[in-house]
Amino acid sequence: MLNAGQSIVDEVEAAIRAGSAEKCVATAKRVTDLFLASAGGFNSEQIELFDNVLERLVKTIELRALADISARMALTEISEQLAPVAQAPPTIVRRLARNDEIRIARPILQESSRLSPDDLVEIAQTKSEQHLLAVAGRWWLKEAVTDALLARRFASVSHRLVSNPGARVSPGGFAIILAQAEHDPDLAVETGVRADLPSDLRLQLLHDATDTVRGRLLERAPPHLFEEIRHAIAAVAAGVERDMSRVRDFTAAKRHVAKLKESGELNEAVLLGFARQRKYEETMVALAHLSHSSVEVIRPLMQSLRGEGLLVPCRAAGLSWETTAAVMECRYSTGTMGPVELVKAKGQFTKMTRDNADRLLRFWQVRSTHSPQPGSH
């Protein structure tokens, strides 16, 4: 091997001195083929020799001919050949992995075991979205690597990570994904069926999720997670319901709102203030007055887990969407409606005419007046 090694070095020196990109490419291919022919039988000194000569060749190709299609194709081919080899020369592997041309870097990023977690973190922090996507698809990733990938906040990378069972994700990483999932139902579903999602974060995801996402989660849930997800959905729904429907005393709120109405101060701005401060009772009473309805009609609309009905008195009262959204969110003592749910509600609110809202509200008012009161039987 000593003589063969010297022969390789001499050939590389000749190729570089010749200044020919084509010669360097051809030599790099020949050296790679020579290495692959006996890769499992080389010792560390021999691997280092191949590493040195290949790095010199590739560096020369990058400097002189990377704009050339044939040169890029040659480097891509070398990358594809070295990626699955456990004994691949480490320096050239790391150089190829950091190449700005994703077609050259991708095979190494996706497969090479020669890249360390530190290499992957550095690439995650500095390279393009396409490079990060390639790393995110690796068969095994440590939390330090996924944390670095998720810190860049690329939605495409988050999708690939949650669909990769070999990617370990830290609680902090999952928190980043959950923030993105508020605007991305598909990501919410993919994340919700992860076996390693902490229970408290699964509850948070389900709390913010729409009914559609919850249903899809149950459909997608693997057998070992189905009961956990089903119970979590029930717990979230029950918790919201208790918050909405607990016994409340409206006496003080009615007195306060009545005084505002008598002094001519009751208006949309006041209602918006109540809603933003999560003053549930005052919000409900003020809305009843402004929509010319009653607390008996508004109460079940505020208690419902579905928000469509509450749009009716808000539209009948001539409220803006800003105030309407605040009233809808006032139903919850903490947290907010999901962005998808808000967009859907805004679309329904925009399509609803004030005349139609008035008619429907008057119908509910008549029905409420003639409904049997508790304790009347």
Foldseek 3Di string as FASTA:
>chain_A
DVVVLVVLVVQLVVQVVVLDLVSLLVSLVVLLVVCLVPVVPDDPVVLVSSLVSNVVSLVSNVVRPPVPPVSVVSLLVSQQSQQQRQSHNLVVLLVQLQDLPCSNNLSNLAGHPSQDLVSLLVCLQDHDPSSLLSNLNHQAADQSNLVSNCVVVDLSSLVSNLQRLRYDHDQVSVVSQLVVCLVPLVSLLSNLQRPPHDLVVNLVSLLQDDPVSLVSNLVPHDPVCNVSSVVSNVVSVVVLLCLLDPDDDLVVLLVVVVVCVVVVNQDLVVLLVCLQVLVLSNNLQSLCVLLVAHSLLSSVCLSDPQNQLLLLSCLLSVHDLSSSLSNNQSSGPDDHHRPVSSVVSVVSSVPDHNVVSNVVRVVSRVCSVPDDDPPPD
